[in-house]
């Protein structure tokens, strides 16, 4: 039976100060929750949202095998990057 992993990502930024933060919460079925957080200066809200999503993908790539994964984001920018294929286009364009 495959283990299930739910991942929640979020990012935020103060528009006036350009101070931002990001977080990723990982929840394996029947296991404890763990998380990663960070911050940046001279950033934007979209950068923080994308960075949290990037950290989640990096974790999946480096640490997860044979697992059913669900990723949640409240960012239309992140969701559209996946659903509308923007990530592939961005990668192709460098």
N, C-alpha and C. Protein backbone atom coordinates (compact mmCIF):
# COMPACT_ATOMS: atom_id res chain seq x y z
N UNK A 1 0.84 -1.18 0.00
CA UNK A 1 0.00 0.00 0.00
C UNK A 1 0.88 1.25 0.00
N UNK A 2 0.60 2.17 -0.91
CA UNK A 2 1.37 3.40 -1.00
C UNK A 2 1.09 4.32 0.18
N UNK A 3 2.14 4.95 0.66
CA UNK A 3 1.99 5.97 1.67
C UNK A 3 1.42 7.22 0.99
N UNK A 4 0.68 8.01 1.71
CA UNK A 4 0.12 9.25 1.18
C UNK A 4 0.81 10.44 1.82
N UNK A 5 1.10 11.43 1.00
CA UNK A 5 1.75 12.64 1.48
C UNK A 5 0.93 13.84 1.02
N UNK A 6 0.58 14.69 1.98
CA UNK A 6 -0.06 15.95 1.66
C UNK A 6 0.94 17.07 1.96
N UNK A 7 1.05 18.00 1.00
CA UNK A 7 1.99 19.11 1.14
C UNK A 7 1.21 20.41 0.99
N UNK A 8 1.46 21.33 1.91
CA UNK A 8 0.82 22.63 1.89
C UNK A 8 1.91 23.69 1.75
N UNK A 9 1.78 24.57 0.74
CA UNK A 9 2.78 25.61 0.52
C UNK A 9 2.15 26.98 0.65
N UNK A 10 2.96 27.95 1.09
CA UNK A 10 2.48 29.33 1.17
C UNK A 10 3.66 30.28 1.17
N UNK A 11 3.42 31.46 0.71
CA UNK A 11 4.41 32.52 0.71
C UNK A 11 3.72 33.85 0.90
N UNK A 12 4.46 34.82 1.40
CA UNK A 12 3.89 36.15 1.62
C UNK A 12 5.00 37.18 1.59
N UNK A 13 4.60 38.42 1.35
CA UNK A 13 5.59 39.50 1.30
C UNK A 13 4.93 40.82 1.64
N UNK A 14 5.63 41.63 2.38
CA UNK A 14 5.20 43.00 2.65
C UNK A 14 5.54 43.85 1.42
N UNK A 15 4.55 44.45 0.81
CA UNK A 15 4.81 45.22 -0.41
C UNK A 15 5.65 46.48 -0.12
N UNK A 16 5.47 47.07 1.03
CA UNK A 16 6.23 48.29 1.37
C UNK A 16 7.69 47.98 1.68
N UNK A 17 7.93 46.98 2.50
CA UNK A 17 9.29 46.67 2.95
C UNK A 17 9.99 45.64 2.06
N UNK A 18 9.21 44.92 1.24
CA UNK A 18 9.72 43.84 0.39
C UNK A 18 10.42 42.75 1.22
N UNK A 19 9.91 42.50 2.42
CA UNK A 19 10.37 41.41 3.26
C UNK A 19 9.38 40.27 3.11
N UNK A 20 9.88 39.08 2.79
CA UNK A 20 8.98 37.98 2.53
C UNK A 20 9.32 36.74 3.32
N UNK A 21 8.38 35.82 3.33
CA UNK A 21 8.58 34.54 4.00
C UNK A 21 7.85 33.45 3.24
N UNK A 22 8.26 32.22 3.46
CA UNK A 22 7.64 31.06 2.82
C UNK A 22 7.61 29.90 3.82
N UNK A 23 6.70 28.97 3.57
CA UNK A 23 6.59 27.79 4.43
C UNK A 23 6.05 26.62 3.61
N UNK A 24 6.49 25.44 4.01
CA UNK A 24 5.99 24.19 3.44
C UNK A 24 5.71 23.24 4.58
N UNK A 25 4.52 22.67 4.61
CA UNK A 25 4.15 21.69 5.63
C UNK A 25 3.96 20.34 4.95
N UNK A 26 4.60 19.32 5.49
CA UNK A 26 4.54 17.96 4.95
C UNK A 26 3.79 17.09 5.94
N UNK A 27 2.81 16.35 5.46
CA UNK A 27 2.03 15.47 6.34
C UNK A 27 1.91 14.10 5.69
N UNK A 28 2.69 13.14 6.19
CA UNK A 28 2.55 11.76 5.75
C UNK A 28 1.40 11.14 6.51
N UNK A 29 0.66 10.27 5.82
CA UNK A 29 -0.46 9.59 6.45
C UNK A 29 0.02 8.83 7.68
N UNK A 30 -0.65 9.02 8.79
CA UNK A 30 -0.37 8.33 10.06
C UNK A 30 1.01 8.65 10.62
N UNK A 31 1.58 9.78 10.24
CA UNK A 31 2.88 10.18 10.80
C UNK A 31 2.83 11.64 11.23
N UNK A 32 3.86 12.04 11.92
CA UNK A 32 3.93 13.43 12.37
C UNK A 32 4.09 14.40 11.21
N UNK A 33 3.68 15.61 11.47
CA UNK A 33 3.83 16.70 10.51
C UNK A 33 5.22 17.31 10.69
N UNK A 34 5.86 17.69 9.58
CA UNK A 34 7.07 18.48 9.69
C UNK A 34 7.03 19.58 8.65
N UNK A 35 7.93 20.55 8.80
CA UNK A 35 7.83 21.72 7.94
C UNK A 35 9.19 22.34 7.68
N UNK A 36 9.22 23.21 6.66
CA UNK A 36 10.37 24.03 6.34
C UNK A 36 9.87 25.47 6.24
N UNK A 37 10.68 26.42 6.67
CA UNK A 37 10.34 27.83 6.54
C UNK A 37 11.58 28.62 6.16
N UNK A 38 11.36 29.81 5.66
CA UNK A 38 12.47 30.69 5.35
C UNK A 38 11.98 32.09 5.05
N UNK A 39 12.94 32.96 4.79
CA UNK A 39 12.59 34.35 4.51
C UNK A 39 13.56 34.93 3.50
N UNK A 40 13.21 36.08 2.96
CA UNK A 40 14.06 36.77 1.99
C UNK A 40 13.79 38.26 2.04
N UNK A 41 14.75 39.03 1.60
CA UNK A 41 14.59 40.47 1.47
C UNK A 41 14.55 40.81 -0.02
N UNK A 42 14.07 41.98 -0.31
CA UNK A 42 13.98 42.46 -1.69
C UNK A 42 13.29 41.43 -2.58
N UNK A 43 12.12 41.01 -2.17
CA UNK A 43 11.39 39.95 -2.86
C UNK A 43 9.96 40.38 -3.15
N UNK A 44 9.20 39.49 -3.72
CA UNK A 44 7.79 39.75 -4.00
C UNK A 44 6.96 38.59 -3.47
N UNK A 45 5.65 38.81 -3.39
CA UNK A 45 4.75 37.75 -2.95
C UNK A 45 4.83 36.55 -3.88
N UNK A 46 4.81 36.78 -5.21
CA UNK A 46 4.87 35.66 -6.15
C UNK A 46 6.18 34.88 -6.02
N UNK A 47 7.29 35.57 -5.78
CA UNK A 47 8.55 34.85 -5.59
C UNK A 47 8.49 33.94 -4.37
N UNK A 48 7.89 34.41 -3.30
CA UNK A 48 7.79 33.59 -2.08
C UNK A 48 6.84 32.42 -2.29
N UNK A 49 5.72 32.64 -2.97
CA UNK A 49 4.80 31.55 -3.28
C UNK A 49 5.50 30.49 -4.13
N UNK A 50 6.21 30.92 -5.16
CA UNK A 50 6.92 29.98 -6.04
C UNK A 50 8.06 29.28 -5.32
N UNK A 51 8.75 30.00 -4.43
CA UNK A 51 9.86 29.38 -3.72
C UNK A 51 9.37 28.26 -2.79
N UNK A 52 8.25 28.48 -2.13
CA UNK A 52 7.69 27.43 -1.28
C UNK A 52 7.34 26.21 -2.12
N UNK A 53 6.75 26.43 -3.28
CA UNK A 53 6.41 25.32 -4.19
C UNK A 53 7.68 24.62 -4.67
N UNK A 54 8.71 25.39 -5.01
CA UNK A 54 10.00 24.82 -5.42
C UNK A 54 10.57 23.93 -4.33
N UNK A 55 10.54 24.40 -3.09
CA UNK A 55 11.07 23.60 -1.98
C UNK A 55 10.31 22.29 -1.84
N UNK A 56 9.00 22.32 -2.05
CA UNK A 56 8.19 21.10 -1.99
C UNK A 56 8.61 20.14 -3.10
N UNK A 57 8.76 20.65 -4.32
CA UNK A 57 9.19 19.79 -5.43
C UNK A 57 10.58 19.22 -5.20
N UNK A 58 11.46 20.02 -4.66
CA UNK A 58 12.82 19.55 -4.36
C UNK A 58 12.78 18.42 -3.32
N UNK A 59 11.95 18.58 -2.30
CA UNK A 59 11.80 17.53 -1.29
C UNK A 59 11.28 16.24 -1.93
N UNK A 60 10.26 16.37 -2.77
CA UNK A 60 9.70 15.18 -3.44
C UNK A 60 10.78 14.49 -4.27
N UNK A 61 11.52 15.26 -5.05
CA UNK A 61 12.55 14.70 -5.92
C UNK A 61 13.63 13.99 -5.13
N UNK A 62 14.05 14.59 -4.02
CA UNK A 62 15.18 14.05 -3.24
C UNK A 62 14.79 13.01 -2.19
N UNK A 63 13.55 12.99 -1.76
CA UNK A 63 13.22 12.20 -0.57
C UNK A 63 12.03 11.27 -0.67
N UNK A 64 11.25 11.33 -1.73
CA UNK A 64 10.00 10.58 -1.76
C UNK A 64 10.02 9.57 -2.91
N UNK A 65 9.62 8.35 -2.60
CA UNK A 65 9.44 7.35 -3.66
C UNK A 65 8.20 6.53 -3.33
N UNK A 66 7.54 6.06 -4.38
CA UNK A 66 6.36 5.23 -4.25
C UNK A 66 5.36 5.79 -3.24
N UNK A 67 4.93 7.00 -3.53
CA UNK A 67 4.04 7.70 -2.61
C UNK A 67 2.99 8.47 -3.41
N UNK A 68 1.78 8.46 -2.93
CA UNK A 68 0.72 9.29 -3.52
C UNK A 68 0.84 10.68 -2.91
N UNK A 69 0.93 11.70 -3.78
CA UNK A 69 1.21 13.05 -3.31
C UNK A 69 0.11 14.01 -3.73
N UNK A 70 -0.30 14.86 -2.80
CA UNK A 70 -1.20 15.97 -3.08
C UNK A 70 -0.52 17.24 -2.60
N UNK A 71 -0.51 18.26 -3.47
CA UNK A 71 0.09 19.55 -3.11
C UNK A 71 -1.01 20.61 -3.13
N UNK A 72 -1.04 21.41 -2.07
CA UNK A 72 -2.04 22.46 -1.94
C UNK A 72 -1.34 23.82 -1.90
N UNK A 73 -1.93 24.78 -2.62
CA UNK A 73 -1.44 26.16 -2.62
C UNK A 73 -2.64 27.09 -2.72
N UNK A 74 -2.57 28.21 -2.03
CA UNK A 74 -3.63 29.22 -2.15
C UNK A 74 -3.28 30.27 -3.20
N UNK A 75 -2.18 30.06 -3.92
CA UNK A 75 -1.71 31.02 -4.91
C UNK A 75 -2.19 30.66 -6.32
N UNK A 76 -3.00 31.52 -6.90
CA UNK A 76 -3.42 31.30 -8.29
C UNK A 76 -2.21 31.28 -9.21
N UNK A 77 -1.20 32.05 -8.90
CA UNK A 77 0.03 32.10 -9.70
C UNK A 77 0.69 30.72 -9.74
N UNK A 78 0.83 30.07 -8.60
CA UNK A 78 1.43 28.73 -8.54
C UNK A 78 0.53 27.71 -9.21
N UNK A 79 -0.75 27.74 -8.91
CA UNK A 79 -1.69 26.78 -9.49
C UNK A 79 -1.70 26.90 -11.01
N UNK A 80 -1.76 28.11 -11.52
CA UNK A 80 -1.77 28.32 -12.97
C UNK A 80 -0.43 27.91 -13.60
N UNK A 81 0.65 28.11 -12.89
CA UNK A 81 1.96 27.69 -13.41
C UNK A 81 1.98 26.19 -13.70
N UNK A 82 1.27 25.43 -12.90
CA UNK A 82 1.19 23.98 -13.10
C UNK A 82 0.08 23.63 -14.09
N UNK A 83 -1.13 24.08 -13.80
CA UNK A 83 -2.29 23.69 -14.62
C UNK A 83 -2.24 24.19 -16.05
N UNK A 84 -1.71 25.39 -16.25
CA UNK A 84 -1.68 25.97 -17.59
C UNK A 84 -0.35 25.75 -18.31
N UNK A 85 0.56 25.02 -17.67
CA UNK A 85 1.82 24.67 -18.33
C UNK A 85 2.87 25.77 -18.33
N UNK A 86 2.69 26.80 -17.50
CA UNK A 86 3.67 27.88 -17.47
C UNK A 86 5.04 27.38 -17.06
N UNK A 87 5.10 26.42 -16.12
CA UNK A 87 6.40 25.91 -15.66
C UNK A 87 7.20 25.33 -16.82
N UNK A 88 6.56 24.56 -17.66
CA UNK A 88 7.25 23.98 -18.83
C UNK A 88 7.76 25.09 -19.74
N UNK A 89 6.93 26.09 -19.96
CA UNK A 89 7.32 27.21 -20.82
C UNK A 89 8.50 27.99 -20.20
N UNK A 90 8.41 28.24 -18.91
CA UNK A 90 9.50 28.95 -18.24
C UNK A 90 10.80 28.16 -18.33
N UNK A 91 10.71 26.84 -18.12
CA UNK A 91 11.90 25.99 -18.20
C UNK A 91 12.49 26.02 -19.61
N UNK A 92 11.62 25.93 -20.59
CA UNK A 92 12.07 25.94 -21.99
C UNK A 92 12.75 27.26 -22.34
N UNK A 93 12.25 28.35 -21.78
CA UNK A 93 12.81 29.68 -22.05
C UNK A 93 13.99 30.04 -21.17
N UNK A 94 14.35 29.12 -20.26
CA UNK A 94 15.51 29.37 -19.39
C UNK A 94 15.17 30.26 -18.23
